[in-house]
C-alpha cells in the first residue's frame, strides 16, 4: 500500500482534491485487490465511521476516471476494483468461487493479442480473461 504522502501526491497529480474519503477508498482498494464495492464500503466505514454507499461509488468513479484505479467486471460478476494501473495486465478467474488473480501479458507468440482487423483503430490495450479453477476449488 502506498504511503499517505504518496496517495496525496497521486490525487493532486490527477487534479483531485485530497479528502479523507478518497484516501480511505485508495487504501481499501490497495489492501483488497479485486474487491467488490461492498468490501470497499466496509473497509472505508471501518476507517472513517459512517459514510454513504453512494459517496464510495462517487469516489470510485472519480478515481477510476482519473486513472488511479481500474474497474474490471469479468462476465457474470459484479464490478471489482484494483489499484494496479498503467500496464496492460490480464486476469484469471475461478469458475467455482470467483477468485481473481493478476496475469502479466503473454510473452512470445501472442495470437489472440494481435487483432486480425483493427478497423482503423489505434489499439493500446487488450482485455483477456482466463477462466479455470483455482487451486483450492480444483483440489
N, C-alpha and C. Protein backbone atom coordinates (compact mmCIF):
# COMPACT_ATOMS: atom_id res chain seq x y z
N UNK A 1 0.84 -1.18 0.00
CA UNK A 1 0.00 0.00 0.00
C UNK A 1 0.88 1.24 0.00
N UNK A 2 0.58 2.21 -0.83
CA UNK A 2 1.41 3.42 -0.85
C UNK A 2 1.24 4.20 0.45
N UNK A 3 2.22 4.99 0.76
CA UNK A 3 2.13 5.82 1.96
C UNK A 3 1.05 6.89 1.75
N UNK A 4 0.62 7.47 2.85
CA UNK A 4 -0.38 8.53 2.78
C UNK A 4 0.13 9.68 1.90
N UNK A 5 1.41 10.00 2.04
CA UNK A 5 2.01 11.07 1.24
C UNK A 5 1.95 10.72 -0.25
N UNK A 6 2.25 9.46 -0.59
CA UNK A 6 2.18 9.04 -2.00
C UNK A 6 0.75 9.12 -2.52
N UNK A 7 -0.22 8.71 -1.70
CA UNK A 7 -1.62 8.77 -2.10
C UNK A 7 -2.06 10.21 -2.30
N UNK A 8 -1.65 11.09 -1.40
CA UNK A 8 -1.99 12.51 -1.53
C UNK A 8 -1.38 13.09 -2.80
N UNK A 9 -0.13 12.73 -3.07
CA UNK A 9 0.55 13.21 -4.28
C UNK A 9 -0.17 12.71 -5.53
N UNK A 10 -0.58 11.43 -5.52
CA UNK A 10 -1.29 10.86 -6.68
C UNK A 10 -2.60 11.61 -6.92
N UNK A 11 -3.33 11.92 -5.86
CA UNK A 11 -4.58 12.67 -6.01
C UNK A 11 -4.32 14.06 -6.59
N UNK A 12 -3.33 14.74 -6.05
CA UNK A 12 -3.02 16.09 -6.55
C UNK A 12 -2.57 16.05 -8.01
N UNK A 13 -1.73 15.06 -8.36
CA UNK A 13 -1.26 14.92 -9.73
C UNK A 13 -2.43 14.70 -10.69
N UNK A 14 -3.47 14.00 -10.20
CA UNK A 14 -4.67 13.76 -11.01
C UNK A 14 -5.66 14.93 -10.94
N UNK A 15 -5.23 16.04 -10.33
CA UNK A 15 -6.07 17.24 -10.17
C UNK A 15 -7.32 16.97 -9.35
N UNK A 16 -7.18 16.09 -8.37
CA UNK A 16 -8.27 15.81 -7.44
C UNK A 16 -7.91 16.35 -6.06
N UNK A 17 -8.91 16.87 -5.38
CA UNK A 17 -8.68 17.34 -4.01
C UNK A 17 -8.38 16.15 -3.12
N UNK A 18 -7.54 16.37 -2.14
CA UNK A 18 -7.22 15.34 -1.17
C UNK A 18 -8.30 15.39 -0.09
N UNK A 19 -9.09 14.30 0.00
CA UNK A 19 -10.13 14.21 1.02
C UNK A 19 -9.98 12.89 1.76
N UNK A 20 -10.53 12.84 2.96
CA UNK A 20 -10.46 11.61 3.74
C UNK A 20 -11.15 10.44 3.03
N UNK A 21 -12.33 10.64 2.43
CA UNK A 21 -12.95 9.51 1.71
C UNK A 21 -12.10 9.01 0.54
N UNK A 22 -11.50 9.90 -0.20
CA UNK A 22 -10.65 9.47 -1.33
C UNK A 22 -9.44 8.69 -0.83
N UNK A 23 -8.81 9.17 0.23
CA UNK A 23 -7.67 8.45 0.80
C UNK A 23 -8.10 7.09 1.33
N UNK A 24 -9.27 7.03 1.98
CA UNK A 24 -9.77 5.78 2.54
C UNK A 24 -10.10 4.77 1.43
N UNK A 25 -10.70 5.23 0.34
CA UNK A 25 -11.01 4.33 -0.77
C UNK A 25 -9.73 3.82 -1.42
N UNK A 26 -8.77 4.70 -1.67
CA UNK A 26 -7.49 4.26 -2.22
C UNK A 26 -6.86 3.19 -1.33
N UNK A 27 -6.86 3.43 -0.04
CA UNK A 27 -6.29 2.47 0.91
C UNK A 27 -7.04 1.15 0.86
N UNK A 28 -8.37 1.21 0.85
CA UNK A 28 -9.18 -0.01 0.84
C UNK A 28 -8.92 -0.85 -0.41
N UNK A 29 -8.79 -0.20 -1.56
CA UNK A 29 -8.56 -0.94 -2.80
C UNK A 29 -7.15 -1.52 -2.80
N UNK A 30 -6.17 -0.78 -2.30
CA UNK A 30 -4.81 -1.31 -2.22
C UNK A 30 -4.75 -2.52 -1.30
N UNK A 31 -5.50 -2.49 -0.23
CA UNK A 31 -5.47 -3.59 0.75
C UNK A 31 -6.36 -4.76 0.34
N UNK A 32 -7.27 -4.56 -0.60
CA UNK A 32 -8.21 -5.60 -1.04
C UNK A 32 -8.25 -5.67 -2.56
N UNK A 33 -7.21 -6.20 -3.19
CA UNK A 33 -7.19 -6.25 -4.65
C UNK A 33 -8.39 -7.00 -5.21
N UNK A 34 -8.96 -6.49 -6.28
CA UNK A 34 -10.10 -7.08 -6.98
C UNK A 34 -11.34 -7.14 -6.09
N UNK A 35 -11.47 -6.18 -5.19
CA UNK A 35 -12.60 -6.16 -4.26
C UNK A 35 -13.86 -5.65 -4.91
N UNK A 36 -14.98 -6.24 -4.46
CA UNK A 36 -16.30 -5.74 -4.85
C UNK A 36 -16.57 -4.46 -4.06
N UNK A 37 -17.51 -3.67 -4.52
CA UNK A 37 -17.82 -2.40 -3.87
C UNK A 37 -18.21 -2.59 -2.41
N UNK A 38 -18.97 -3.64 -2.09
CA UNK A 38 -19.39 -3.86 -0.70
C UNK A 38 -18.20 -4.01 0.24
N UNK A 39 -17.16 -4.68 -0.22
CA UNK A 39 -15.95 -4.86 0.59
C UNK A 39 -15.26 -3.51 0.80
N UNK A 40 -15.22 -2.72 -0.26
CA UNK A 40 -14.59 -1.40 -0.17
C UNK A 40 -15.38 -0.50 0.77
N UNK A 41 -16.71 -0.51 0.66
CA UNK A 41 -17.56 0.28 1.55
C UNK A 41 -17.29 -0.12 3.00
N UNK A 42 -17.23 -1.41 3.28
CA UNK A 42 -16.96 -1.88 4.64
C UNK A 42 -15.63 -1.40 5.17
N UNK A 43 -14.59 -1.48 4.34
CA UNK A 43 -13.26 -1.04 4.76
C UNK A 43 -13.22 0.47 5.01
N UNK A 44 -13.90 1.23 4.16
CA UNK A 44 -13.94 2.69 4.32
C UNK A 44 -14.69 3.05 5.61
N UNK A 45 -15.80 2.38 5.87
CA UNK A 45 -16.56 2.64 7.09
C UNK A 45 -15.75 2.26 8.34
N UNK A 46 -14.97 1.21 8.23
CA UNK A 46 -14.11 0.82 9.34
C UNK A 46 -13.10 1.93 9.66
N UNK A 47 -12.60 2.57 8.62
CA UNK A 47 -11.60 3.63 8.81
C UNK A 47 -12.22 4.96 9.20
N UNK A 48 -13.34 5.33 8.56
CA UNK A 48 -13.90 6.68 8.74
C UNK A 48 -15.15 6.75 9.60
N UNK A 49 -15.76 5.62 9.85
CA UNK A 49 -17.07 5.66 10.51
C UNK A 49 -18.15 5.70 9.45
N UNK A 50 -19.23 6.39 9.73
CA UNK A 50 -20.36 6.42 8.80
C UNK A 50 -20.01 7.17 7.52
N UNK A 51 -20.23 6.50 6.40
CA UNK A 51 -20.09 7.10 5.08
C UNK A 51 -21.11 6.40 4.18
N UNK A 52 -21.75 7.15 3.32
CA UNK A 52 -22.79 6.55 2.49
C UNK A 52 -22.19 5.69 1.38
N UNK A 53 -22.96 4.69 0.99
CA UNK A 53 -22.55 3.83 -0.11
C UNK A 53 -22.39 4.66 -1.38
N UNK A 54 -23.31 5.62 -1.58
CA UNK A 54 -23.24 6.48 -2.77
C UNK A 54 -21.94 7.29 -2.79
N UNK A 55 -21.51 7.75 -1.62
CA UNK A 55 -20.25 8.52 -1.56
C UNK A 55 -19.08 7.66 -2.01
N UNK A 56 -19.07 6.39 -1.60
CA UNK A 56 -17.99 5.49 -2.01
C UNK A 56 -18.06 5.24 -3.52
N UNK A 57 -19.27 5.02 -4.05
CA UNK A 57 -19.42 4.86 -5.50
C UNK A 57 -18.90 6.09 -6.24
N UNK A 58 -19.22 7.28 -5.73
CA UNK A 58 -18.76 8.52 -6.37
C UNK A 58 -17.24 8.62 -6.37
N UNK A 59 -16.63 8.26 -5.24
CA UNK A 59 -15.17 8.29 -5.15
C UNK A 59 -14.56 7.26 -6.09
N UNK A 60 -15.11 6.06 -6.11
CA UNK A 60 -14.60 5.03 -7.03
C UNK A 60 -14.67 5.51 -8.47
N UNK A 61 -15.77 6.13 -8.84
CA UNK A 61 -15.94 6.65 -10.20
C UNK A 61 -14.89 7.72 -10.51
N UNK A 62 -14.67 8.63 -9.57
CA UNK A 62 -13.70 9.71 -9.77
C UNK A 62 -12.27 9.17 -9.87
N UNK A 63 -11.94 8.23 -9.00
CA UNK A 63 -10.57 7.67 -9.01
C UNK A 63 -10.33 6.82 -10.25
N UNK A 64 -11.36 6.14 -10.72
CA UNK A 64 -11.23 5.35 -11.95
C UNK A 64 -11.08 6.28 -13.15
N UNK A 65 -11.89 7.33 -13.21
CA UNK A 65 -11.80 8.28 -14.32
C UNK A 65 -10.44 8.97 -14.35
N UNK A 66 -9.86 9.18 -13.17
CA UNK A 66 -8.55 9.83 -13.09
C UNK A 66 -7.40 8.87 -13.36
N UNK A 67 -7.70 7.59 -13.51
CA UNK A 67 -6.66 6.60 -13.79
C UNK A 67 -5.92 6.11 -12.56
N UNK A 68 -6.45 6.39 -11.38
CA UNK A 68 -5.79 5.93 -10.15
C UNK A 68 -6.25 4.54 -9.74
N UNK A 69 -7.41 4.11 -10.23
CA UNK A 69 -7.93 2.78 -10.01
C UNK A 69 -8.40 2.22 -11.35
N UNK A 70 -8.55 0.92 -11.39
CA UNK A 70 -9.07 0.26 -12.58
C UNK A 70 -10.30 -0.55 -12.19
N UNK A 71 -11.35 -0.42 -12.97
CA UNK A 71 -12.59 -1.17 -12.75
C UNK A 71 -12.58 -2.35 -13.71
N UNK A 72 -12.81 -3.54 -13.17
CA UNK A 72 -12.92 -4.73 -14.00
C UNK A 72 -14.25 -5.39 -13.70
N UNK A 73 -14.78 -6.09 -14.68
CA UNK A 73 -16.04 -6.79 -14.47
C UNK A 73 -16.06 -8.05 -15.32
N UNK A 74 -15.46 -9.13 -14.79
CA UNK A 74 -15.50 -10.38 -15.53
C UNK A 74 -16.94 -10.81 -15.78
N UNK A 75 -17.18 -11.49 -16.87
CA UNK A 75 -18.52 -11.93 -17.24
C UNK A 75 -19.19 -12.66 -16.07
N UNK A 76 -20.43 -12.25 -15.77
CA UNK A 76 -21.18 -12.87 -14.69
C UNK A 76 -20.81 -12.40 -13.31
N UNK A 77 -19.97 -11.39 -13.20
CA UNK A 77 -19.50 -10.89 -11.91
C UNK A 77 -19.90 -9.43 -11.73
N UNK A 78 -19.96 -9.00 -10.49
CA UNK A 78 -20.15 -7.58 -10.22
C UNK A 78 -18.84 -6.85 -10.49
N UNK A 79 -18.91 -5.54 -10.56
CA UNK A 79 -17.70 -4.74 -10.78
C UNK A 79 -16.75 -4.91 -9.61
N UNK A 80 -15.49 -4.91 -9.92
CA UNK A 80 -14.43 -5.01 -8.91
C UNK A 80 -13.39 -3.94 -9.24
N UNK A 81 -12.60 -3.60 -8.25
CA UNK A 81 -11.63 -2.52 -8.43
C UNK A 81 -10.24 -2.98 -8.02
N UNK A 82 -9.26 -2.43 -8.71
CA UNK A 82 -7.86 -2.74 -8.39
C UNK A 82 -7.02 -1.50 -8.53
N UNK A 83 -5.90 -1.50 -7.83
CA UNK A 83 -5.00 -0.35 -7.85
C UNK A 83 -3.87 -0.53 -8.85
N UNK A 84 -3.76 -1.69 -9.46
CA UNK A 84 -2.71 -1.92 -10.45
C UNK A 84 -3.18 -1.30 -11.77
N UNK A 85 -2.63 -0.14 -12.06
CA UNK A 85 -2.99 0.59 -13.28
C UNK A 85 -1.72 0.90 -14.06
N UNK A 86 -1.89 1.33 -15.28
CA UNK A 86 -0.74 1.77 -16.07
C UNK A 86 -0.02 0.67 -16.81
N UNK A 87 -0.52 -0.55 -16.71
CA UNK A 87 0.06 -1.62 -17.51
C UNK A 87 -1.09 -2.41 -18.11
N UNK A 88 -0.79 -3.20 -19.08
CA UNK A 88 -1.82 -3.97 -19.77
C UNK A 88 -1.78 -5.40 -19.27
N UNK A 89 -2.17 -5.60 -18.01
CA UNK A 89 -2.21 -6.96 -17.47
C UNK A 89 -3.61 -7.55 -17.61
N UNK A 90 -3.71 -8.82 -17.37
CA UNK A 90 -4.97 -9.53 -17.54
C UNK A 90 -5.35 -10.22 -16.23
N UNK A 91 -6.38 -11.05 -16.28
CA UNK A 91 -6.86 -11.70 -15.06
C UNK A 91 -7.21 -13.16 -15.31
N UNK A 92 -7.08 -13.96 -14.26
CA UNK A 92 -7.53 -15.33 -14.27
C UNK A 92 -8.64 -15.41 -13.21
N UNK A 93 -9.77 -16.04 -13.58
CA UNK A 93 -10.94 -16.08 -12.71
C UNK A 93 -11.33 -17.53 -12.47
N UNK A 94 -11.60 -17.86 -11.22
CA UNK A 94 -12.06 -19.21 -10.87
C UNK A 94 -13.55 -19.32 -11.19
N UNK A 95 -13.90 -20.33 -11.97
CA UNK A 95 -15.30 -20.56 -12.34
C UNK A 95 -16.14 -20.99 -11.15
N UNK A 96 -15.51 -21.51 -10.11
CA UNK A 96 -16.25 -22.03 -8.98
C UNK A 96 -16.48 -20.97 -7.89
N UNK A 97 -15.40 -20.40 -7.36
CA UNK A 97 -15.53 -19.47 -6.23
C UNK A 97 -15.43 -18.00 -6.62
N UNK A 98 -15.00 -17.71 -7.86
CA UNK A 98 -14.90 -16.32 -8.32
C UNK A 98 -13.61 -15.62 -7.96
N UNK A 99 -12.65 -16.33 -7.37
CA UNK A 99 -11.36 -15.71 -7.05
C UNK A 99 -10.72 -15.14 -8.32
N UNK A 100 -10.04 -14.01 -8.17
CA UNK A 100 -9.40 -13.35 -9.31
C UNK A 100 -7.94 -13.09 -8.97
N UNK A 101 -7.06 -13.32 -9.94
CA UNK A 101 -5.64 -13.01 -9.77
C UNK A 101 -5.14 -12.31 -11.03
N UNK A 102 -4.10 -11.50 -10.86
CA UNK A 102 -3.49 -10.81 -11.99
C UNK A 102 -2.63 -11.77 -12.79
N UNK A 103 -2.58 -11.55 -14.10
CA UNK A 103 -1.74 -12.31 -15.01
C UNK A 103 -1.04 -11.29 -15.90
N UNK A 104 0.28 -11.32 -15.92
CA UNK A 104 1.01 -10.42 -16.80
C UNK A 104 0.76 -10.81 -18.25
N UNK A 105 1.02 -9.88 -19.15
CA UNK A 105 0.79 -10.13 -20.57
C UNK A 105 1.58 -11.35 -21.04
N UNK A 106 1.01 -12.01 -22.02
CA UNK A 106 1.67 -13.17 -22.61
C UNK A 106 2.98 -12.74 -23.25
N UNK A 107 3.95 -13.62 -23.21
CA UNK A 107 5.24 -13.36 -23.86
C UNK A 107 5.39 -14.33 -25.02
N UNK A 108 6.26 -13.99 -25.94
CA UNK A 108 6.45 -14.86 -27.10
C UNK A 108 5.28 -14.72 -28.06
N UNK A 109 4.88 -15.82 -28.66
CA UNK A 109 3.79 -15.83 -29.64
C UNK A 109 2.48 -15.48 -28.95
N UNK A 110 1.78 -14.43 -29.44
CA UNK A 110 0.54 -13.96 -28.82
C UNK A 110 -0.56 -13.84 -29.86
N UNK A 111 -1.07 -14.93 -30.35
CA UNK A 111 -2.03 -14.85 -31.46
C UNK A 111 -3.31 -14.09 -31.11
N UNK A 112 -3.77 -14.16 -29.89
CA UNK A 112 -5.04 -13.52 -29.54
C UNK A 112 -4.87 -12.04 -29.18
N UNK A 113 -3.66 -11.56 -29.07
CA UNK A 113 -3.46 -10.17 -28.68
C UNK A 113 -3.22 -9.25 -29.87
N UNK A 114 -3.10 -9.81 -31.06
CA UNK A 114 -2.97 -9.02 -32.26
C UNK A 114 -4.28 -9.14 -33.04
N UNK A 115 -5.00 -8.04 -33.16
CA UNK A 115 -6.30 -8.07 -33.84
C UNK A 115 -6.12 -8.45 -35.31
N UNK A 116 -6.99 -9.33 -35.79
CA UNK A 116 -6.91 -9.73 -37.19
C UNK A 116 -7.30 -8.58 -38.11
N UNK A 117 -8.16 -7.68 -37.63
CA UNK A 117 -8.56 -6.48 -38.37
C UNK A 117 -8.83 -5.39 -37.34
N UNK A 118 -8.01 -4.36 -37.33
CA UNK A 118 -8.17 -3.31 -36.32
C UNK A 118 -9.20 -2.25 -36.73
N UNK A 119 -9.77 -2.37 -37.92
CA UNK A 119 -10.80 -1.45 -38.43
C UNK A 119 -10.37 0.02 -38.33
N UNK A 120 -9.07 0.25 -38.42
CA UNK A 120 -8.55 1.61 -38.38
C UNK A 120 -8.29 2.14 -36.99
N UNK A 121 -8.61 1.36 -35.96
CA UNK A 121 -8.37 1.80 -34.59
C UNK A 121 -6.89 1.75 -34.26
N UNK A 122 -6.45 2.64 -33.39
CA UNK A 122 -5.13 2.54 -32.80
C UNK A 122 -5.32 1.80 -31.48
N UNK A 123 -4.94 0.55 -31.44
CA UNK A 123 -5.17 -0.29 -30.27
C UNK A 123 -4.06 -0.10 -29.26
N UNK A 124 -4.43 0.19 -28.01
CA UNK A 124 -3.43 0.39 -26.97
C UNK A 124 -3.61 -0.57 -25.79
N UNK A 125 -4.64 -1.40 -25.84
CA UNK A 125 -4.88 -2.33 -24.74
C UNK A 125 -5.70 -3.51 -25.24
N UNK A 126 -5.42 -4.66 -24.67
CA UNK A 126 -6.22 -5.86 -24.95
C UNK A 126 -6.70 -6.39 -23.61
N UNK A 127 -7.96 -6.76 -23.55
CA UNK A 127 -8.51 -7.31 -22.30
C UNK A 127 -8.73 -8.80 -22.48
N UNK A 128 -7.98 -9.57 -21.72
CA UNK A 128 -8.05 -11.02 -21.79
C UNK A 128 -8.42 -11.53 -20.41
N UNK A 129 -9.37 -12.44 -20.35
CA UNK A 129 -9.72 -13.08 -19.09
C UNK A 129 -9.55 -14.57 -19.26
N UNK A 130 -8.72 -15.15 -18.42
CA UNK A 130 -8.53 -16.59 -18.40
C UNK A 130 -9.50 -17.17 -17.38
N UNK A 131 -10.13 -18.27 -17.70
CA UNK A 131 -11.10 -18.91 -16.81
C UNK A 131 -10.62 -20.32 -16.47
N UNK A 132 -10.87 -20.74 -15.25
CA UNK A 132 -10.50 -22.10 -14.82
C UNK A 132 -10.89 -22.30 -13.38
N UNK A 133 -10.19 -23.18 -12.70
CA UNK A 133 -10.42 -23.45 -11.29
C UNK A 133 -9.18 -23.07 -10.50
N UNK A 134 -9.39 -22.37 -9.39
CA UNK A 134 -8.26 -22.02 -8.52
C UNK A 134 -7.77 -23.30 -7.84
N UNK A 135 -6.57 -23.29 -7.25
CA UNK A 135 -6.05 -24.49 -6.62
C UNK A 135 -6.97 -25.08 -5.54
N UNK A 136 -7.62 -24.23 -4.75
CA UNK A 136 -8.49 -24.73 -3.70
C UNK A 136 -9.71 -25.45 -4.27
N UNK A 137 -10.33 -24.87 -5.32
CA UNK A 137 -11.51 -25.49 -5.92
C UNK A 137 -11.16 -26.72 -6.74
N UNK A 138 -9.96 -26.74 -7.30
CA UNK A 138 -9.54 -27.89 -8.11
C UNK A 138 -9.21 -29.10 -7.25
N UNK A 139 -8.89 -28.86 -5.97
CA UNK A 139 -8.50 -29.96 -5.08
C UNK A 139 -9.67 -30.87 -4.73
